[in-house]
Amino acid sequence: MSNNLRARTCALIVLVPLASACSWFTDFKQQPSVGTWQHFSSDSAAGRGFRGNPAGSVPTTGSTVPGFMISYSNFPVTVDSFSVVRNPVAVDGRSLENGRKYYAINCAVCHGDVGDGNGALKQASALYGFAPPIISDIAKNYSDGYIWGIMRNGRGIMPSYNRIEDMDRWDVVNYIRGLQGKLAQPVPTGPLGMPGETGSKLPGATRIGPTVPSAFARPTQGQMTGVDRRPEGRP
């Protein structure tokens, strides 16, 4: 073995353990997550919540309309299929407040703060004035499921806003009904804060897995420690 090759081999042997000790080298085994049967609390990850689900994954709470029922294509006939989907979220203060946050962030730029189609894009250039008003008589006659489905799949030149999670999307539907004047009381309009502001003016962390515990019951502490806590008479 030549002196050069021997020197390189020795240097490699020395560098490998040093590299493995450096904090910026990682195999990504340790990541913020909630594993099977692990305890979950709202204080997890210092209150910041865990990162969102990968695209196409299924939340622990299930999906209102999974892809095998109605696909994610944006063809009109596909979006029309959502017309029969029922809105499971009650119109209350919480829903309207949350819906306004998501609307202001995702929808107002095109459809306008009050839903008249006069969004910031159109104000910047008439070339971007393609978003229809959502307070028109036509839009008022859309079913809740149809509006929800447009956000899930997109339609025409409108892209999918499936990044807004299932239940939050229903909150947006409820807020849109308020903009349309179909609720008992008018809803507040306009942005909640200036760009860059955080805190209560923005929606919270993701409400689907892995940030929520599984919908299935897990063993009690007694069962895990071998203590039988089954009610009398049950096998």
C-alpha atoms as a PDB file:
ATOM      1  CA  MET A   1       0.000   0.000   0.000  1.00  0.00           C
ATOM      2  CA  SER A   2       1.430   3.366  -1.008  1.00  0.00           C
ATOM      3  CA  ASN A   3       2.065   6.074   1.571  1.00  0.00           C
ATOM      4  CA  ASN A   4      -0.660   8.276   0.008  1.00  0.00           C
ATOM      5  CA  LEU A   5      -3.283   5.519   0.149  1.00  0.00           C
ATOM      6  CA  ARG A   6      -2.286   4.604   3.695  1.00  0.00           C
ATOM      7  CA  ALA A   7      -2.602   8.253   4.781  1.00  0.00           C
ATOM      8  CA  ARG A   8      -6.052   8.592   3.193  1.00  0.00           C
ATOM      9  CA  THR A   9      -7.262   5.385   4.854  1.00  0.00           C
ATOM     10  CA  CYS A  10      -6.109   6.593   8.271  1.00  0.00           C
ATOM     11  CA  ALA A  11      -7.777   9.966   7.729  1.00  0.00           C
ATOM     12  CA  LEU A  12     -11.065   8.250   6.809  1.00  0.00           C
ATOM     13  CA  ILE A  13     -10.953   6.075   9.918  1.00  0.00           C
ATOM     14  CA  VAL A  14     -10.488   9.193  12.061  1.00  0.00           C
ATOM     15  CA  LEU A  15     -13.172  11.273  10.315  1.00  0.00           C
ATOM     16  CA  VAL A  16     -16.006   8.695  10.422  1.00  0.00           C
ATOM     17  CA  PRO A  17     -16.472   8.691  14.232  1.00  0.00           C
ATOM     18  CA  LEU A  18     -16.061  12.470  14.295  1.00  0.00           C
ATOM     19  CA  ALA A  19     -18.732  12.921  11.648  1.00  0.00           C
ATOM     20  CA  SER A  20     -21.166  10.661  13.482  1.00  0.00           C
ATOM     21  CA  ALA A  21     -20.763  12.778  16.589  1.00  0.00           C
ATOM     22  CA  CYS A  22     -21.613  16.046  14.858  1.00  0.00           C
ATOM     23  CA  SER A  23     -25.101  17.332  15.619  1.00  0.00           C
ATOM     24  CA  TRP A  24     -25.842  18.253  12.009  1.00  0.00           C
ATOM     25  CA  PHE A  25     -25.504  14.639  10.870  1.00  0.00           C
ATOM     26  CA  THR A  26     -28.717  12.722  11.443  1.00  0.00           C
ATOM     27  CA  ASP A  27     -30.568   9.690  10.163  1.00  0.00           C
ATOM     28  CA  PHE A  28     -33.899  11.384  11.006  1.00  0.00           C
ATOM     29  CA  LYS A  29     -34.915   8.636  13.429  1.00  0.00           C
ATOM     30  CA  GLN A  30     -35.812  11.169  16.113  1.00  0.00           C
ATOM     31  CA  GLN A  31     -38.609  13.442  14.898  1.00  0.00           C
ATOM     32  CA  PRO A  32     -41.599  15.111  16.552  1.00  0.00           C
ATOM     33  CA  SER A  33     -44.340  12.508  16.352  1.00  0.00           C
ATOM     34  CA  VAL A  34     -46.954  10.618  18.316  1.00  0.00           C
ATOM     35  CA  GLY A  35     -46.482   6.872  18.149  1.00  0.00           C
ATOM     36  CA  THR A  36     -48.958   4.083  18.772  1.00  0.00           C
ATOM     37  CA  TRP A  37     -50.429   4.225  22.294  1.00  0.00           C
ATOM     38  CA  GLN A  38     -48.280   7.233  23.186  1.00  0.00           C
ATOM     39  CA  HIS A  39     -49.781   9.974  25.330  1.00  0.00           C
ATOM     40  CA  PHE A  40     -50.970  13.114  23.569  1.00  0.00           C
ATOM     41  CA  SER A  41     -51.679  16.466  25.129  1.00  0.00           C
ATOM     42  CA  SER A  42     -52.197  20.002  23.922  1.00  0.00           C
ATOM     43  CA  ASP A  43     -48.802  20.851  25.447  1.00  0.00           C
ATOM     44  CA  SER A  44     -46.980  18.510  23.081  1.00  0.00           C
ATOM     45  CA  ALA A  45     -44.052  20.026  21.201  1.00  0.00           C
ATOM     46  CA  ALA A  46     -44.096  23.098  23.439  1.00  0.00           C
ATOM     47  CA  GLY A  47     -47.598  23.997  22.326  1.00  0.00           C
ATOM     48  CA  ARG A  48     -46.618  24.320  18.684  1.00  0.00           C
ATOM     49  CA  GLY A  49     -48.253  21.079  17.587  1.00  0.00           C
ATOM     50  CA  PHE A  50     -46.649  18.551  15.293  1.00  0.00           C
ATOM     51  CA  ARG A  51     -45.972  18.942  11.610  1.00  0.00           C
ATOM     52  CA  GLY A  52     -48.915  18.254   9.296  1.00  0.00           C
ATOM     53  CA  ASN A  53     -49.661  14.992   7.557  1.00  0.00           C
ATOM     54  CA  PRO A  54     -47.877  14.109   4.317  1.00  0.00           C
ATOM     55  CA  ALA A  55     -49.927  14.676   1.166  1.00  0.00           C
ATOM     56  CA  GLY A  56     -52.390  11.873   0.541  1.00  0.00           C
ATOM     57  CA  SER A  57     -52.210  10.436   4.063  1.00  0.00           C
ATOM     58  CA  VAL A  58     -55.335   9.649   6.069  1.00  0.00           C
ATOM     59  CA  PRO A  59     -55.999  11.484   9.359  1.00  0.00           C
ATOM     60  CA  THR A  60     -56.858   9.515  12.483  1.00  0.00           C
ATOM     61  CA  THR A  61     -60.254  11.209  12.477  1.00  0.00           C
ATOM     62  CA  GLY A  62     -61.046   9.885   9.019  1.00  0.00           C
ATOM     63  CA  SER A  63     -62.114  11.891   5.974  1.00  0.00           C
ATOM     64  CA  THR A  64     -65.501  13.453   5.282  1.00  0.00           C
ATOM     65  CA  VAL A  65     -65.357  12.327   1.658  1.00  0.00           C
ATOM     66  CA  PRO A  66     -62.448   9.960   0.935  1.00  0.00           C
ATOM     67  CA  GLY A  67     -60.994   9.759  -2.526  1.00  0.00           C
ATOM     68  CA  PHE A  68     -62.558   6.386  -3.287  1.00  0.00           C
ATOM     69  CA  MET A  69     -66.020   7.989  -2.941  1.00  0.00           C
ATOM     70  CA  ILE A  70     -65.374  11.173  -4.927  1.00  0.00           C
ATOM     71  CA  SER A  71     -62.061  11.634  -6.681  1.00  0.00           C
ATOM     72  CA  TYR A  72     -59.845  14.680  -6.397  1.00  0.00           C
ATOM     73  CA  SER A  73     -60.178  15.715 -10.048  1.00  0.00           C
ATOM     74  CA  ASN A  74     -61.478  19.204 -10.817  1.00  0.00           C
ATOM     75  CA  PHE A  75     -63.840  18.235 -13.617  1.00  0.00           C
ATOM     76  CA  PRO A  76     -67.249  19.936 -13.279  1.00  0.00           C
ATOM     77  CA  VAL A  77     -69.102  16.611 -13.160  1.00  0.00           C
ATOM     78  CA  THR A  78     -66.881  15.504 -10.268  1.00  0.00           C
ATOM     79  CA  VAL A  79     -67.394  18.703  -8.275  1.00  0.00           C
ATOM     80  CA  ASP A  80     -71.136  18.489  -8.914  1.00  0.00           C
ATOM     81  CA  SER A  81     -71.090  15.183  -7.017  1.00  0.00           C
ATOM     82  CA  PHE A  82     -70.451  17.062  -3.762  1.00  0.00           C
ATOM     83  CA  SER A  83     -73.896  18.673  -3.873  1.00  0.00           C
ATOM     84  CA  VAL A  84     -75.368  15.836  -1.800  1.00  0.00           C
ATOM     85  CA  VAL A  85     -72.739  16.021   0.968  1.00  0.00           C
ATOM     86  CA  ARG A  86     -74.269  17.360   4.175  1.00  0.00           C
ATOM     87  CA  ASN A  87     -72.636  20.004   6.320  1.00  0.00           C
ATOM     88  CA  PRO A  88     -71.873  18.397   9.733  1.00  0.00           C
ATOM     89  CA  VAL A  89     -70.735  21.622  11.445  1.00  0.00           C
ATOM     90  CA  ALA A  90     -73.161  23.824  13.348  1.00  0.00           C
ATOM     91  CA  VAL A  91     -73.185  27.533  12.559  1.00  0.00           C
ATOM     92  CA  ASP A  92     -71.966  29.048  15.814  1.00  0.00           C
ATOM     93  CA  GLY A  93     -69.507  31.670  16.967  1.00  0.00           C
ATOM     94  CA  ARG A  94     -66.531  29.319  16.953  1.00  0.00           C
ATOM     95  CA  SER A  95     -67.216  28.105  13.427  1.00  0.00           C
ATOM     96  CA  LEU A  96     -67.734  31.592  12.009  1.00  0.00           C
ATOM     97  CA  GLU A  97     -64.612  32.958  13.674  1.00  0.00           C
ATOM     98  CA  ASN A  98     -62.489  30.098  12.390  1.00  0.00           C
ATOM     99  CA  GLY A  99     -64.066  30.303   8.948  1.00  0.00           C
ATOM    100  CA  ARG A 100     -63.287  34.000   8.733  1.00  0.00           C
ATOM    101  CA  LYS A 101     -59.608  33.327   9.474  1.00  0.00           C
ATOM    102  CA  TYR A 102     -59.291  30.771   6.705  1.00  0.00           C
ATOM    103  CA  TYR A 103     -61.330  32.886   4.297  1.00  0.00           C
ATOM    104  CA  ALA A 104     -59.186  35.955   4.902  1.00  0.00           C
ATOM    105  CA  ILE A 105     -55.989  33.998   4.293  1.00  0.00           C
ATOM    106  CA  ASN A 106     -57.023  31.829   1.353  1.00  0.00           C
ATOM    107  CA  CYS A 107     -60.114  33.271  -0.368  1.00  0.00           C
ATOM    108  CA  ALA A 108     -60.289  37.040   0.038  1.00  0.00           C
ATOM    109  CA  VAL A 109     -57.331  37.714  -2.261  1.00  0.00           C
ATOM    110  CA  CYS A 110     -59.481  36.614  -5.232  1.00  0.00           C
ATOM    111  CA  HIS A 111     -63.109  36.757  -4.059  1.00  0.00           C
ATOM    112  CA  GLY A 112     -62.781  39.925  -1.983  1.00  0.00           C
ATOM    113  CA  ASP A 113     -63.208  40.632   1.720  1.00  0.00           C
ATOM    114  CA  VAL A 114     -66.994  40.753   1.368  1.00  0.00           C
ATOM    115  CA  GLY A 115     -67.251  38.120  -1.371  1.00  0.00           C
ATOM    116  CA  ASP A 116     -67.986  40.571  -4.196  1.00  0.00           C
ATOM    117  CA  GLY A 117     -65.118  39.376  -6.412  1.00  0.00           C
ATOM    118  CA  ASN A 118     -63.165  42.600  -5.868  1.00  0.00           C
ATOM    119  CA  GLY A 119     -60.118  40.999  -4.302  1.00  0.00           C
ATOM    120  CA  ALA A 120     -56.593  42.338  -3.967  1.00  0.00           C
ATOM    121  CA  LEU A 121     -55.560  40.676  -7.231  1.00  0.00           C
ATOM    122  CA  LYS A 122     -58.261  42.459  -9.214  1.00  0.00           C
ATOM    123  CA  GLN A 123     -57.405  45.747  -7.531  1.00  0.00           C
ATOM    124  CA  ALA A 124     -53.781  45.260  -8.579  1.00  0.00           C
ATOM    125  CA  SER A 125     -54.695  44.503 -12.201  1.00  0.00           C
ATOM    126  CA  ALA A 126     -57.940  44.029 -14.089  1.00  0.00           C
ATOM    127  CA  LEU A 127     -56.287  41.032 -15.772  1.00  0.00           C
ATOM    128  CA  TYR A 128     -56.770  39.153 -12.509  1.00  0.00           C
ATOM    129  CA  GLY A 129     -60.450  39.961 -12.195  1.00  0.00           C
ATOM    130  CA  PHE A 130     -61.542  36.439 -13.081  1.00  0.00           C
ATOM    131  CA  ALA A 131     -62.801  35.315  -9.661  1.00  0.00           C
ATOM    132  CA  PRO A 132     -66.614  35.352  -9.564  1.00  0.00           C
ATOM    133  CA  PRO A 133     -68.484  36.935  -6.648  1.00  0.00           C
ATOM    134  CA  ILE A 134     -69.643  34.422  -4.079  1.00  0.00           C
ATOM    135  CA  ILE A 135     -72.530  36.598  -2.900  1.00  0.00           C
ATOM    136  CA  SER A 136     -74.372  36.359  -6.212  1.00  0.00           C
ATOM    137  CA  ASP A 137     -77.788  34.695  -6.450  1.00  0.00           C
ATOM    138  CA  ILE A 138     -76.159  31.790  -8.302  1.00  0.00           C
ATOM    139  CA  ALA A 139     -73.654  31.183  -5.492  1.00  0.00           C
ATOM    140  CA  LYS A 140     -76.367  31.531  -2.853  1.00  0.00           C
ATOM    141  CA  ASN A 141     -78.149  28.571  -4.424  1.00  0.00           C
ATOM    142  CA  TYR A 142     -75.086  26.325  -4.259  1.00  0.00           C
ATOM    143  CA  SER A 143     -75.374  23.623  -1.606  1.00  0.00           C
ATOM    144  CA  ASP A 144     -72.965  23.575   1.328  1.00  0.00           C
ATOM    145  CA  GLY A 145     -71.459  20.365  -0.003  1.00  0.00           C
ATOM    146  CA  TYR A 146     -70.843  21.901  -3.411  1.00  0.00           C
ATOM    147  CA  ILE A 147     -68.949  24.892  -1.972  1.00  0.00           C
ATOM    148  CA  TRP A 148     -66.973  22.526   0.258  1.00  0.00           C
ATOM    149  CA  GLY A 149     -66.184  20.345  -2.750  1.00  0.00           C
ATOM    150  CA  ILE A 150     -64.925  23.264  -4.842  1.00  0.00           C
ATOM    151  CA  MET A 151     -62.420  24.039  -2.102  1.00  0.00           C
ATOM    152  CA  ARG A 152     -61.397  20.362  -1.901  1.00  0.00           C
ATOM    153  CA  ASN A 153     -60.934  19.803  -5.641  1.00  0.00           C
ATOM    154  CA  GLY A 154     -60.791  23.202  -7.279  1.00  0.00           C
ATOM    155  CA  ARG A 155     -62.687  23.898 -10.466  1.00  0.00           C
ATOM    156  CA  GLY A 156     -61.725  25.478 -13.754  1.00  0.00           C
ATOM    157  CA  ILE A 157     -58.859  27.878 -13.109  1.00  0.00           C
ATOM    158  CA  MET A 158     -59.428  27.800  -9.358  1.00  0.00           C
ATOM    159  CA  PRO A 159     -56.833  25.502  -7.756  1.00  0.00           C
ATOM    160  CA  SER A 160     -57.558  23.024  -4.989  1.00  0.00           C
ATOM    161  CA  TYR A 161     -57.571  24.417  -1.462  1.00  0.00           C
ATOM    162  CA  ASN A 162     -57.446  20.984   0.117  1.00  0.00           C
ATOM    163  CA  ARG A 163     -54.700  22.365   2.358  1.00  0.00           C
ATOM    164  CA  ILE A 164     -57.615  23.671   4.459  1.00  0.00           C
ATOM    165  CA  GLU A 165     -58.545  20.592   6.467  1.00  0.00           C
ATOM    166  CA  ASP A 166     -61.942  18.926   6.244  1.00  0.00           C
ATOM    167  CA  MET A 167     -63.673  20.414   9.261  1.00  0.00           C
ATOM    168  CA  ASP A 168     -62.075  23.832   8.845  1.00  0.00           C
ATOM    169  CA  ARG A 169     -63.411  23.890   5.292  1.00  0.00           C
ATOM    170  CA  TRP A 170     -66.943  23.513   6.666  1.00  0.00           C
ATOM    171  CA  ASP A 171     -66.259  26.550   8.851  1.00  0.00           C
ATOM    172  CA  VAL A 172     -65.387  28.494   5.692  1.00  0.00           C
ATOM    173  CA  VAL A 173     -68.679  27.352   4.142  1.00  0.00           C
ATOM    174  CA  ASN A 174     -70.569  28.645   7.185  1.00  0.00           C
ATOM    175  CA  TYR A 175     -68.723  31.964   6.983  1.00  0.00           C
ATOM    176  CA  ILE A 176     -69.538  32.286   3.278  1.00  0.00           C
ATOM    177  CA  ARG A 177     -73.207  31.806   4.141  1.00  0.00           C
ATOM    178  CA  GLY A 178     -72.794  34.760   6.475  1.00  0.00           C
ATOM    179  CA  LEU A 179     -71.298  36.863   3.688  1.00  0.00           C
ATOM    180  CA  GLN A 180     -74.281  35.901   1.540  1.00  0.00           C
ATOM    181  CA  GLY A 181     -76.640  37.237   4.191  1.00  0.00           C
ATOM    182  CA  LYS A 182     -78.196  33.843   4.828  1.00  0.00           C
ATOM    183  CA  LEU A 183     -77.596  33.893   8.591  1.00  0.00           C
ATOM    184  CA  ALA A 184     -79.592  35.662  11.281  1.00  0.00           C
ATOM    185  CA  GLN A 185     -76.726  38.064  12.008  1.00  0.00           C
ATOM    186  CA  PRO A 186     -74.185  39.646   9.604  1.00  0.00           C
ATOM    187  CA  VAL A 187     -70.615  38.404   9.920  1.00  0.00           C
ATOM    188  CA  PRO A 188     -67.585  40.677  10.388  1.00  0.00           C
ATOM    189  CA  THR A 189     -65.468  41.134   7.275  1.00  0.00           C
ATOM    190  CA  GLY A 190     -61.939  42.125   6.378  1.00  0.00           C
ATOM    191  CA  PRO A 191     -58.546  40.812   7.481  1.00  0.00           C
ATOM    192  CA  LEU A 192     -58.011  40.091  11.142  1.00  0.00           C
ATOM    193  CA  GLY A 193     -54.498  41.506  11.216  1.00  0.00           C
ATOM    194  CA  MET A 194     -51.607  42.849   9.224  1.00  0.00           C
ATOM    195  CA  PRO A 195     -49.335  40.549   7.171  1.00  0.00           C
ATOM    196  CA  GLY A 196     -46.900  38.771   9.450  1.00  0.00           C
ATOM    197  CA  GLU A 197     -49.038  38.997  12.576  1.00  0.00           C
ATOM    198  CA  THR A 198     -49.569  35.745  14.421  1.00  0.00           C
ATOM    199  CA  GLY A 199     -51.310  34.545  17.543  1.00  0.00           C
ATOM    200  CA  SER A 200     -55.093  34.417  17.799  1.00  0.00           C
ATOM    201  CA  LYS A 201     -55.455  36.152  14.439  1.00  0.00           C
ATOM    202  CA  LEU A 202     -54.419  32.970  12.657  1.00  0.00           C
ATOM    203  CA  PRO A 203     -55.893  29.454  12.707  1.00  0.00           C
ATOM    204  CA  GLY A 204     -54.306  27.033  15.128  1.00  0.00           C
ATOM    205  CA  ALA A 205     -52.216  23.951  14.463  1.00  0.00           C
ATOM    206  CA  THR A 206     -53.524  21.066  12.384  1.00  0.00           C
ATOM    207  CA  ARG A 207     -56.493  19.202  13.890  1.00  0.00           C
ATOM    208  CA  ILE A 208     -55.789  15.908  12.150  1.00  0.00           C
ATOM    209  CA  GLY A 209     -53.203  13.205  12.916  1.00  0.00           C
ATOM    210  CA  PRO A 210     -50.571  13.082  14.108  1.00  0.00           C
ATOM    211  CA  THR A 211     -51.706  16.016  16.245  1.00  0.00           C
ATOM    212  CA  VAL A 212     -54.714  14.225  17.702  1.00  0.00           C
ATOM    213  CA  PRO A 213     -55.039  10.887  19.457  1.00  0.00           C
ATOM    214  CA  SER A 214     -56.532   7.989  17.576  1.00  0.00           C
ATOM    215  CA  ALA A 215     -60.302   7.783  17.501  1.00  0.00           C
ATOM    216  CA  PHE A 216     -59.997   4.177  18.666  1.00  0.00           C
ATOM    217  CA  ALA A 217     -59.958   3.406  22.369  1.00  0.00           C
ATOM    218  CA  ARG A 218     -56.574   2.554  23.776  1.00  0.00           C
ATOM    219  CA  PRO A 219     -55.787   0.273  26.734  1.00  0.00           C
ATOM    220  CA  THR A 220     -56.244   1.846  30.122  1.00  0.00           C
ATOM    221  CA  GLN A 221     -53.306   2.292  32.453  1.00  0.00           C
ATOM    222  CA  GLY A 222     -54.613  -0.620  34.464  1.00  0.00           C
ATOM    223  CA  GLN A 223     -54.652  -2.931  31.473  1.00  0.00           C
ATOM    224  CA  MET A 224     -51.129  -1.946  30.524  1.00  0.00           C
ATOM    225  CA  THR A 225     -49.837  -2.700  34.009  1.00  0.00           C
ATOM    226  CA  GLY A 226     -51.621  -6.022  34.226  1.00  0.00           C
ATOM    227  CA  VAL A 227     -54.414  -4.858  36.541  1.00  0.00           C
ATOM    228  CA  ASP A 228     -57.806  -6.173  35.425  1.00  0.00           C
ATOM    229  CA  ARG A 229     -60.260  -3.239  35.431  1.00  0.00           C
ATOM    230  CA  ARG A 230     -63.004  -4.836  33.351  1.00  0.00           C
ATOM    231  CA  PRO A 231     -66.534  -4.314  34.678  1.00  0.00           C
ATOM    232  CA  GLU A 232     -68.019  -7.270  36.489  1.00  0.00           C
ATOM    233  CA  GLY A 233     -69.695  -9.811  34.280  1.00  0.00           C
ATOM    234  CA  ARG A 234     -67.682  -8.888  31.159  1.00  0.00           C
ATOM    235  CA  PRO A 235     -65.352 -11.512  29.665  1.00  0.00           C
END
